[in-house]
Amino acid sequence: MRPILELLKKRDATTYTLNPGDSVFAALQRLADHNVGAMMVMDNGKLVGVFSERDYTRKIALAGRSSKDTLVADIMTAQVLT
């Protein structure tokens, strides 16, 4: 086992974000492109939420909504603790 700090030092420092006006479909594509399960949602440099696969599953797939017609802002988790 390696200490977490050692792993973090080797990690790519690039941060991927979404915009609240992105479609859920586009957001899912970005999650897949970067092989992650969630991304921060930023608006003019301010953190306004988090979008996750869980948000999609519960608020789109199970609700029978369209990911192409729904915006990230409509289903993201807006109450983010930092």
C-alpha atoms as a PDB file:
ATOM      1  CA  MET A   1       0.000   0.000   0.000  1.00  0.00           C
ATOM      2  CA  ARG A   2       1.130   3.517  -0.806  1.00  0.00           C
ATOM      3  CA  PRO A   3       0.228   6.664   1.095  1.00  0.00           C
ATOM      4  CA  ILE A   4      -2.501   8.723  -0.557  1.00  0.00           C
ATOM      5  CA  LEU A   5      -0.178  11.722  -0.935  1.00  0.00           C
ATOM      6  CA  GLU A   6       2.144   9.633  -3.090  1.00  0.00           C
ATOM      7  CA  LEU A   7      -0.746   8.695  -5.360  1.00  0.00           C
ATOM      8  CA  LEU A   8      -1.996  12.280  -5.579  1.00  0.00           C
ATOM      9  CA  LYS A   9       1.456  13.571  -6.589  1.00  0.00           C
ATOM     10  CA  LYS A  10       1.404  11.275  -9.642  1.00  0.00           C
ATOM     11  CA  ARG A  11      -2.137  12.273 -10.597  1.00  0.00           C
ATOM     12  CA  ASP A  12      -2.882  14.550 -13.544  1.00  0.00           C
ATOM     13  CA  ALA A  13      -3.771  17.946 -12.072  1.00  0.00           C
ATOM     14  CA  THR A  14      -6.302  18.743 -14.811  1.00  0.00           C
ATOM     15  CA  THR A  15      -9.760  19.593 -13.491  1.00  0.00           C
ATOM     16  CA  TYR A  16     -12.728  18.811 -15.701  1.00  0.00           C
ATOM     17  CA  THR A  17     -15.932  20.773 -15.204  1.00  0.00           C
ATOM     18  CA  LEU A  18     -19.387  21.160 -16.683  1.00  0.00           C
ATOM     19  CA  ASN A  19     -21.566  24.202 -17.272  1.00  0.00           C
ATOM     20  CA  PRO A  20     -25.097  24.363 -15.837  1.00  0.00           C
ATOM     21  CA  GLY A  21     -26.447  24.953 -19.376  1.00  0.00           C
ATOM     22  CA  ASP A  22     -24.929  21.739 -20.769  1.00  0.00           C
ATOM     23  CA  SER A  23     -27.375  19.003 -21.723  1.00  0.00           C
ATOM     24  CA  VAL A  24     -27.364  15.946 -19.506  1.00  0.00           C
ATOM     25  CA  PHE A  25     -26.478  13.880 -22.578  1.00  0.00           C
ATOM     26  CA  ALA A  26     -23.360  16.005 -23.230  1.00  0.00           C
ATOM     27  CA  ALA A  27     -22.424  15.781 -19.559  1.00  0.00           C
ATOM     28  CA  LEU A  28     -22.675  11.983 -19.633  1.00  0.00           C
ATOM     29  CA  GLN A  29     -20.415  11.940 -22.684  1.00  0.00           C
ATOM     30  CA  ARG A  30     -17.818  14.029 -20.825  1.00  0.00           C
ATOM     31  CA  LEU A  31     -17.971  11.692 -17.808  1.00  0.00           C
ATOM     32  CA  ALA A  32     -17.352   8.751 -20.126  1.00  0.00           C
ATOM     33  CA  ASP A  33     -14.580  10.563 -22.033  1.00  0.00           C
ATOM     34  CA  HIS A  34     -12.674  11.205 -18.807  1.00  0.00           C
ATOM     35  CA  ASN A  35     -13.617   7.922 -17.097  1.00  0.00           C
ATOM     36  CA  VAL A  36     -15.085   9.619 -14.012  1.00  0.00           C
ATOM     37  CA  GLY A  37     -18.392   9.309 -12.203  1.00  0.00           C
ATOM     38  CA  ALA A  38     -18.939  12.961 -11.304  1.00  0.00           C
ATOM     39  CA  MET A  39     -17.840  16.478 -12.235  1.00  0.00           C
ATOM     40  CA  MET A  40     -18.084  19.905 -10.684  1.00  0.00           C
ATOM     41  CA  VAL A  41     -20.542  22.304 -12.293  1.00  0.00           C
ATOM     42  CA  MET A  42     -19.052  25.786 -12.610  1.00  0.00           C
ATOM     43  CA  ASP A  43     -20.689  29.059 -13.629  1.00  0.00           C
ATOM     44  CA  ASN A  44     -18.358  32.015 -14.253  1.00  0.00           C
ATOM     45  CA  GLY A  45     -15.661  30.440 -12.079  1.00  0.00           C
ATOM     46  CA  LYS A  46     -18.033  29.703  -9.196  1.00  0.00           C
ATOM     47  CA  LEU A  47     -18.923  26.205  -8.010  1.00  0.00           C
ATOM     48  CA  VAL A  48     -22.698  25.884  -8.358  1.00  0.00           C
ATOM     49  CA  GLY A  49     -23.136  22.125  -8.113  1.00  0.00           C
ATOM     50  CA  VAL A  50     -21.977  18.603  -8.800  1.00  0.00           C
ATOM     51  CA  PHE A  51     -23.304  16.345 -11.538  1.00  0.00           C
ATOM     52  CA  SER A  52     -22.963  12.598 -11.043  1.00  0.00           C
ATOM     53  CA  GLU A  53     -24.019   9.323 -12.574  1.00  0.00           C
ATOM     54  CA  ARG A  54     -26.329   8.990  -9.561  1.00  0.00           C
ATOM     55  CA  ASP A  55     -28.068  12.265 -10.500  1.00  0.00           C
ATOM     56  CA  TYR A  56     -28.624  10.891 -14.001  1.00  0.00           C
ATOM     57  CA  THR A  57     -29.846   7.502 -12.834  1.00  0.00           C
ATOM     58  CA  ARG A  58     -32.346   8.794 -10.304  1.00  0.00           C
ATOM     59  CA  LYS A  59     -33.550  11.975 -11.983  1.00  0.00           C
ATOM     60  CA  ILE A  60     -33.500  11.024 -15.673  1.00  0.00           C
ATOM     61  CA  ALA A  61     -33.426   7.257 -16.292  1.00  0.00           C
ATOM     62  CA  LEU A  62     -35.801   6.237 -13.489  1.00  0.00           C
ATOM     63  CA  ALA A  63     -38.074   9.234 -14.101  1.00  0.00           C
ATOM     64  CA  GLY A  64     -38.375   8.510 -17.829  1.00  0.00           C
ATOM     65  CA  ARG A  65     -36.972  11.897 -18.844  1.00  0.00           C
ATOM     66  CA  SER A  66     -34.803  12.677 -21.870  1.00  0.00           C
ATOM     67  CA  SER A  67     -31.105  13.331 -21.286  1.00  0.00           C
ATOM     68  CA  LYS A  68     -30.930  15.344 -24.518  1.00  0.00           C
ATOM     69  CA  ASP A  69     -33.762  17.677 -23.484  1.00  0.00           C
ATOM     70  CA  THR A  70     -32.715  18.232 -19.853  1.00  0.00           C
ATOM     71  CA  LEU A  71     -30.037  20.619 -18.619  1.00  0.00           C
ATOM     72  CA  VAL A  72     -27.407  19.789 -16.023  1.00  0.00           C
ATOM     73  CA  ALA A  73     -28.740  22.680 -13.897  1.00  0.00           C
ATOM     74  CA  ASP A  74     -32.132  20.930 -13.677  1.00  0.00           C
ATOM     75  CA  ILE A  75     -30.801  17.778 -12.003  1.00  0.00           C
ATOM     76  CA  MET A  76     -27.374  18.550 -10.498  1.00  0.00           C
ATOM     77  CA  THR A  77     -26.786  18.405  -6.782  1.00  0.00           C
ATOM     78  CA  ALA A  78     -26.715  22.094  -5.916  1.00  0.00           C
ATOM     79  CA  GLN A  79     -26.073  21.892  -2.172  1.00  0.00           C
ATOM     80  CA  VAL A  80     -22.332  21.193  -2.245  1.00  0.00           C
ATOM     81  CA  LEU A  81     -20.333  21.163   0.975  1.00  0.00           C
ATOM     82  CA  THR A  82     -16.746  22.329   0.633  1.00  0.00           C
END
